[in-house]
């Protein structure tokens, strides 16, 4: 595990001799989640970032989460252009960074991007269902019950059984985000 120079962002490096890629994971993961994919692409020189409040990355409660993640991607892009790859919320993060600095992006790969606002824009009734689901984890969060909020979120989007063993659960920043 390394850190970007700013010291706030945990990084897992996957050393290859080929094209450079910056990877951003989903909300239920950490930078190590890219290991199986990177094992199949040993030529890629990958830099996987821990999103704010995930893995070994700090979280600033006074700053918007997506902005913090995008700023970490932009810091990693200081080393030169790269392919950006993001999954779920991580896809929103790399998209934000690509919009901020398009000349530094060789390609953009968005895997299951979290963009529910598009359902609303299209008038899709699934948007209302998503808002109800989001409220179910937001209510305990607003009440200050961080563990309950995490449990509900994980039941909605992941494998709640594995949550207790998750590196994200053990992160010193996880409850705060």
C-alpha atoms as a PDB file:
ATOM      1  CA  UNK A   1       0.000   0.000   0.000  1.00  0.00           C
ATOM      2  CA  UNK A   2       1.314   3.398  -0.948  1.00  0.00           C
ATOM      3  CA  UNK A   3      -0.080   6.900  -0.770  1.00  0.00           C
ATOM      4  CA  UNK A   4      -0.295   9.742  -3.230  1.00  0.00           C
ATOM      5  CA  UNK A   5       2.044  12.601  -2.401  1.00  0.00           C
ATOM      6  CA  UNK A   6      -0.728  14.556  -0.648  1.00  0.00           C
ATOM      7  CA  UNK A   7      -0.799  11.732   1.907  1.00  0.00           C
ATOM      8  CA  UNK A   8      -4.589  11.456   2.057  1.00  0.00           C
ATOM      9  CA  UNK A   9      -5.140   8.783  -0.595  1.00  0.00           C
ATOM     10  CA  UNK A  10      -4.290   5.101  -0.252  1.00  0.00           C
ATOM     11  CA  UNK A  11      -3.037   3.465  -3.434  1.00  0.00           C
ATOM     12  CA  UNK A  12      -2.473  -0.085  -4.625  1.00  0.00           C
ATOM     13  CA  UNK A  13       0.010  -0.250  -7.492  1.00  0.00           C
ATOM     14  CA  UNK A  14      -0.046  -2.895 -10.176  1.00  0.00           C
ATOM     15  CA  UNK A  15       3.242  -2.587 -12.028  1.00  0.00           C
ATOM     16  CA  UNK A  16       3.236  -3.276 -15.711  1.00  0.00           C
ATOM     17  CA  UNK A  17       5.326  -2.088 -18.631  1.00  0.00           C
ATOM     18  CA  UNK A  18       2.424  -1.098 -20.868  1.00  0.00           C
ATOM     19  CA  UNK A  19      -0.298   1.509 -20.818  1.00  0.00           C
ATOM     20  CA  UNK A  20      -0.979   3.475 -17.653  1.00  0.00           C
ATOM     21  CA  UNK A  21      -4.400   3.216 -15.988  1.00  0.00           C
ATOM     22  CA  UNK A  22      -5.964   4.822 -12.926  1.00  0.00           C
ATOM     23  CA  UNK A  23      -8.686   2.720 -11.310  1.00  0.00           C
ATOM     24  CA  UNK A  24     -11.489   3.816  -8.975  1.00  0.00           C
ATOM     25  CA  UNK A  25     -13.576   1.189  -7.141  1.00  0.00           C
ATOM     26  CA  UNK A  26     -17.232   1.055  -6.018  1.00  0.00           C
ATOM     27  CA  UNK A  27     -18.587   2.178  -2.636  1.00  0.00           C
ATOM     28  CA  UNK A  28     -18.321  -1.293  -1.091  1.00  0.00           C
ATOM     29  CA  UNK A  29     -14.671  -1.895  -1.918  1.00  0.00           C
ATOM     30  CA  UNK A  30     -11.092  -0.639  -1.705  1.00  0.00           C
ATOM     31  CA  UNK A  31      -8.190  -0.394  -4.136  1.00  0.00           C
ATOM     32  CA  UNK A  32      -7.352  -4.095  -3.725  1.00  0.00           C
ATOM     33  CA  UNK A  33     -10.639  -5.025  -5.406  1.00  0.00           C
ATOM     34  CA  UNK A  34      -8.923  -4.555  -8.768  1.00  0.00           C
ATOM     35  CA  UNK A  35      -6.401  -7.343  -8.079  1.00  0.00           C
ATOM     36  CA  UNK A  36      -8.235 -10.144 -10.014  1.00  0.00           C
ATOM     37  CA  UNK A  37      -8.674  -7.924 -13.079  1.00  0.00           C
ATOM     38  CA  UNK A  38      -5.118  -6.649 -12.973  1.00  0.00           C
ATOM     39  CA  UNK A  39      -3.810 -10.217 -12.660  1.00  0.00           C
ATOM     40  CA  UNK A  40      -5.349 -10.864 -16.093  1.00  0.00           C
ATOM     41  CA  UNK A  41      -3.748  -7.736 -17.534  1.00  0.00           C
ATOM     42  CA  UNK A  42      -0.144  -7.835 -16.269  1.00  0.00           C
ATOM     43  CA  UNK A  43       1.012  -5.432 -18.969  1.00  0.00           C
ATOM     44  CA  UNK A  44      -1.092  -2.568 -17.562  1.00  0.00           C
ATOM     45  CA  UNK A  45       0.677  -0.141 -15.247  1.00  0.00           C
ATOM     46  CA  UNK A  46      -2.223   0.372 -12.845  1.00  0.00           C
ATOM     47  CA  UNK A  47      -2.724   2.803 -10.000  1.00  0.00           C
ATOM     48  CA  UNK A  48      -5.821   1.867  -7.999  1.00  0.00           C
ATOM     49  CA  UNK A  49      -6.976   4.558  -5.595  1.00  0.00           C
ATOM     50  CA  UNK A  50      -8.848   4.059  -2.341  1.00  0.00           C
ATOM     51  CA  UNK A  51     -11.878   6.332  -2.493  1.00  0.00           C
ATOM     52  CA  UNK A  52     -12.145   8.813   0.380  1.00  0.00           C
ATOM     53  CA  UNK A  53     -13.132   6.978   3.564  1.00  0.00           C
ATOM     54  CA  UNK A  54     -12.283   3.586   2.029  1.00  0.00           C
ATOM     55  CA  UNK A  55      -9.250   1.400   2.584  1.00  0.00           C
ATOM     56  CA  UNK A  56      -6.406   3.659   3.699  1.00  0.00           C
ATOM     57  CA  UNK A  57      -7.792   6.959   2.388  1.00  0.00           C
ATOM     58  CA  UNK A  58      -8.824   9.794   4.637  1.00  0.00           C
ATOM     59  CA  UNK A  59     -12.240  11.416   4.394  1.00  0.00           C
ATOM     60  CA  UNK A  60     -12.968  15.111   4.842  1.00  0.00           C
ATOM     61  CA  UNK A  61     -16.550  15.547   6.109  1.00  0.00           C
ATOM     62  CA  UNK A  62     -16.450  19.197   5.038  1.00  0.00           C
ATOM     63  CA  UNK A  63     -15.912  18.337   1.372  1.00  0.00           C
ATOM     64  CA  UNK A  64     -18.161  16.517  -1.085  1.00  0.00           C
ATOM     65  CA  UNK A  65     -17.137  12.849  -1.477  1.00  0.00           C
ATOM     66  CA  UNK A  66     -17.158  12.763  -5.289  1.00  0.00           C
ATOM     67  CA  UNK A  67     -15.037  15.930  -5.422  1.00  0.00           C
ATOM     68  CA  UNK A  68     -12.478  14.417  -3.014  1.00  0.00           C
ATOM     69  CA  UNK A  69     -12.244  11.287  -5.154  1.00  0.00           C
ATOM     70  CA  UNK A  70     -11.934  13.259  -8.384  1.00  0.00           C
ATOM     71  CA  UNK A  71      -9.197  15.405  -6.840  1.00  0.00           C
ATOM     72  CA  UNK A  72      -7.255  12.225  -5.992  1.00  0.00           C
ATOM     73  CA  UNK A  73      -7.593  11.079  -9.621  1.00  0.00           C
ATOM     74  CA  UNK A  74      -6.416  14.483 -10.803  1.00  0.00           C
ATOM     75  CA  UNK A  75      -3.405  14.232  -8.471  1.00  0.00           C
ATOM     76  CA  UNK A  76      -2.574  10.814  -9.967  1.00  0.00           C
ATOM     77  CA  UNK A  77      -2.920  12.333 -13.463  1.00  0.00           C
ATOM     78  CA  UNK A  78      -0.143  14.779 -12.574  1.00  0.00           C
ATOM     79  CA  UNK A  79       2.214  11.927 -13.558  1.00  0.00           C
ATOM     80  CA  UNK A  80       0.889  12.112 -17.127  1.00  0.00           C
ATOM     81  CA  UNK A  81      -2.066  10.955 -19.237  1.00  0.00           C
ATOM     82  CA  UNK A  82      -3.757   7.665 -18.355  1.00  0.00           C
ATOM     83  CA  UNK A  83      -6.712   5.459 -19.096  1.00  0.00           C
ATOM     84  CA  UNK A  84      -9.394   6.017 -16.424  1.00  0.00           C
ATOM     85  CA  UNK A  85     -11.436   3.029 -15.250  1.00  0.00           C
ATOM     86  CA  UNK A  86     -14.202   3.313 -12.667  1.00  0.00           C
ATOM     87  CA  UNK A  87     -16.840   1.005 -11.222  1.00  0.00           C
ATOM     88  CA  UNK A  88     -20.189   2.252  -9.836  1.00  0.00           C
ATOM     89  CA  UNK A  89     -19.486   5.309  -7.678  1.00  0.00           C
ATOM     90  CA  UNK A  90     -15.879   5.083  -8.841  1.00  0.00           C
ATOM     91  CA  UNK A  91     -17.177   5.584 -12.391  1.00  0.00           C
ATOM     92  CA  UNK A  92     -18.719   8.903 -11.330  1.00  0.00           C
ATOM     93  CA  UNK A  93     -15.407   9.870  -9.765  1.00  0.00           C
ATOM     94  CA  UNK A  94     -13.317   9.201 -12.900  1.00  0.00           C
ATOM     95  CA  UNK A  95     -15.967  10.861 -15.093  1.00  0.00           C
ATOM     96  CA  UNK A  96     -15.740  14.016 -12.932  1.00  0.00           C
ATOM     97  CA  UNK A  97     -11.942  13.962 -13.230  1.00  0.00           C
ATOM     98  CA  UNK A  98     -12.176  13.436 -17.011  1.00  0.00           C
ATOM     99  CA  UNK A  99     -14.472  16.437 -17.331  1.00  0.00           C
ATOM    100  CA  UNK A 100     -12.045  18.508 -15.257  1.00  0.00           C
ATOM    101  CA  UNK A 101      -8.960  17.518 -17.264  1.00  0.00           C
ATOM    102  CA  UNK A 102      -9.953  15.903 -20.590  1.00  0.00           C
ATOM    103  CA  UNK A 103      -6.517  16.400 -22.175  1.00  0.00           C
ATOM    104  CA  UNK A 104      -5.030  13.979 -19.599  1.00  0.00           C
ATOM    105  CA  UNK A 105      -7.421  11.128 -20.367  1.00  0.00           C
ATOM    106  CA  UNK A 106      -6.439   8.497 -22.946  1.00  0.00           C
ATOM    107  CA  UNK A 107      -9.746   6.635 -22.554  1.00  0.00           C
ATOM    108  CA  UNK A 108     -12.631   6.442 -20.111  1.00  0.00           C
ATOM    109  CA  UNK A 109     -14.204   3.139 -19.022  1.00  0.00           C
ATOM    110  CA  UNK A 110     -17.330   3.397 -16.857  1.00  0.00           C
ATOM    111  CA  UNK A 111     -18.505   0.083 -15.378  1.00  0.00           C
ATOM    112  CA  UNK A 112     -22.040   0.167 -13.941  1.00  0.00           C
ATOM    113  CA  UNK A 113     -21.878   3.922 -13.398  1.00  0.00           C
ATOM    114  CA  UNK A 114     -24.068   5.186 -10.572  1.00  0.00           C
ATOM    115  CA  UNK A 115     -26.183   7.722 -12.430  1.00  0.00           C
ATOM    116  CA  UNK A 116     -29.720   7.455 -11.120  1.00  0.00           C
ATOM    117  CA  UNK A 117     -30.417  11.049 -12.128  1.00  0.00           C
ATOM    118  CA  UNK A 118     -30.662   9.776 -15.706  1.00  0.00           C
ATOM    119  CA  UNK A 119     -33.725   7.733 -14.674  1.00  0.00           C
ATOM    120  CA  UNK A 120     -35.337  10.887 -13.319  1.00  0.00           C
ATOM    121  CA  UNK A 121     -34.498  12.831 -16.479  1.00  0.00           C
ATOM    122  CA  UNK A 122     -36.125  10.071 -18.575  1.00  0.00           C
ATOM    123  CA  UNK A 123     -39.233   9.949 -16.368  1.00  0.00           C
ATOM    124  CA  UNK A 124     -38.532   6.300 -15.530  1.00  0.00           C
ATOM    125  CA  UNK A 125     -40.584   4.993 -12.557  1.00  0.00           C
ATOM    126  CA  UNK A 126     -37.496   3.117 -11.319  1.00  0.00           C
ATOM    127  CA  UNK A 127     -36.199   6.482 -10.118  1.00  0.00           C
ATOM    128  CA  UNK A 128     -38.900   6.598  -7.400  1.00  0.00           C
ATOM    129  CA  UNK A 129     -37.929   3.076  -6.281  1.00  0.00           C
ATOM    130  CA  UNK A 130     -34.290   4.150  -6.008  1.00  0.00           C
ATOM    131  CA  UNK A 131     -35.236   7.172  -3.929  1.00  0.00           C
ATOM    132  CA  UNK A 132     -37.150   4.922  -1.494  1.00  0.00           C
ATOM    133  CA  UNK A 133     -34.165   2.553  -1.255  1.00  0.00           C
ATOM    134  CA  UNK A 134     -31.784   5.477  -0.704  1.00  0.00           C
ATOM    135  CA  UNK A 135     -33.988   6.831   2.073  1.00  0.00           C
ATOM    136  CA  UNK A 136     -33.813   3.478   3.865  1.00  0.00           C
ATOM    137  CA  UNK A 137     -30.084   3.886   4.556  1.00  0.00           C
ATOM    138  CA  UNK A 138     -30.111   7.674   4.798  1.00  0.00           C
ATOM    139  CA  UNK A 139     -32.495   7.692   7.772  1.00  0.00           C
ATOM    140  CA  UNK A 140     -30.180   5.829  10.188  1.00  0.00           C
ATOM    141  CA  UNK A 141     -27.264   7.861   8.849  1.00  0.00           C
ATOM    142  CA  UNK A 142     -29.031  11.135   9.654  1.00  0.00           C
ATOM    143  CA  UNK A 143     -29.892   9.744  13.108  1.00  0.00           C
ATOM    144  CA  UNK A 144     -26.186   9.135  13.728  1.00  0.00           C
ATOM    145  CA  UNK A 145     -26.427   5.318  13.650  1.00  0.00           C
ATOM    146  CA  UNK A 146     -23.513   4.751  11.293  1.00  0.00           C
ATOM    147  CA  UNK A 147     -23.384   0.972  11.697  1.00  0.00           C
ATOM    148  CA  UNK A 148     -27.098   0.584  10.925  1.00  0.00           C
ATOM    149  CA  UNK A 149     -26.738   2.840   7.880  1.00  0.00           C
ATOM    150  CA  UNK A 150     -23.790   0.737   6.680  1.00  0.00           C
ATOM    151  CA  UNK A 151     -25.725  -2.485   7.210  1.00  0.00           C
ATOM    152  CA  UNK A 152     -28.745  -1.244   5.218  1.00  0.00           C
ATOM    153  CA  UNK A 153     -26.543   0.131   2.429  1.00  0.00           C
ATOM    154  CA  UNK A 154     -24.661  -3.157   2.201  1.00  0.00           C
ATOM    155  CA  UNK A 155     -27.891  -5.175   2.082  1.00  0.00           C
ATOM    156  CA  UNK A 156     -29.083  -2.993  -0.811  1.00  0.00           C
ATOM    157  CA  UNK A 157     -25.880  -2.979  -2.854  1.00  0.00           C
ATOM    158  CA  UNK A 158     -23.668  -5.810  -1.731  1.00  0.00           C
ATOM    159  CA  UNK A 159     -23.234  -8.895   0.377  1.00  0.00           C
ATOM    160  CA  UNK A 160     -24.311  -7.976   3.927  1.00  0.00           C
ATOM    161  CA  UNK A 161     -22.993 -11.285   5.267  1.00  0.00           C
ATOM    162  CA  UNK A 162     -19.404 -10.325   4.389  1.00  0.00           C
ATOM    163  CA  UNK A 163     -19.649  -6.739   5.732  1.00  0.00           C
ATOM    164  CA  UNK A 164     -18.173  -7.531   9.156  1.00  0.00           C
ATOM    165  CA  UNK A 165     -15.044  -8.968   7.501  1.00  0.00           C
ATOM    166  CA  UNK A 166     -14.768  -6.192   4.945  1.00  0.00           C
ATOM    167  CA  UNK A 167     -11.618  -4.041   4.878  1.00  0.00           C
ATOM    168  CA  UNK A 168     -13.977  -1.091   4.346  1.00  0.00           C
ATOM    169  CA  UNK A 169     -15.702  -1.893   7.643  1.00  0.00           C
ATOM    170  CA  UNK A 170     -12.333  -1.955   9.380  1.00  0.00           C
ATOM    171  CA  UNK A 171     -11.119   1.292   7.801  1.00  0.00           C
ATOM    172  CA  UNK A 172     -10.626   4.037  10.372  1.00  0.00           C
ATOM    173  CA  UNK A 173     -12.543   6.374   8.062  1.00  0.00           C
ATOM    174  CA  UNK A 174     -15.417   4.080   7.027  1.00  0.00           C
ATOM    175  CA  UNK A 175     -17.991   5.042   9.672  1.00  0.00           C
ATOM    176  CA  UNK A 176     -17.499   8.745   8.981  1.00  0.00           C
ATOM    177  CA  UNK A 177     -18.393   8.573   5.319  1.00  0.00           C
END
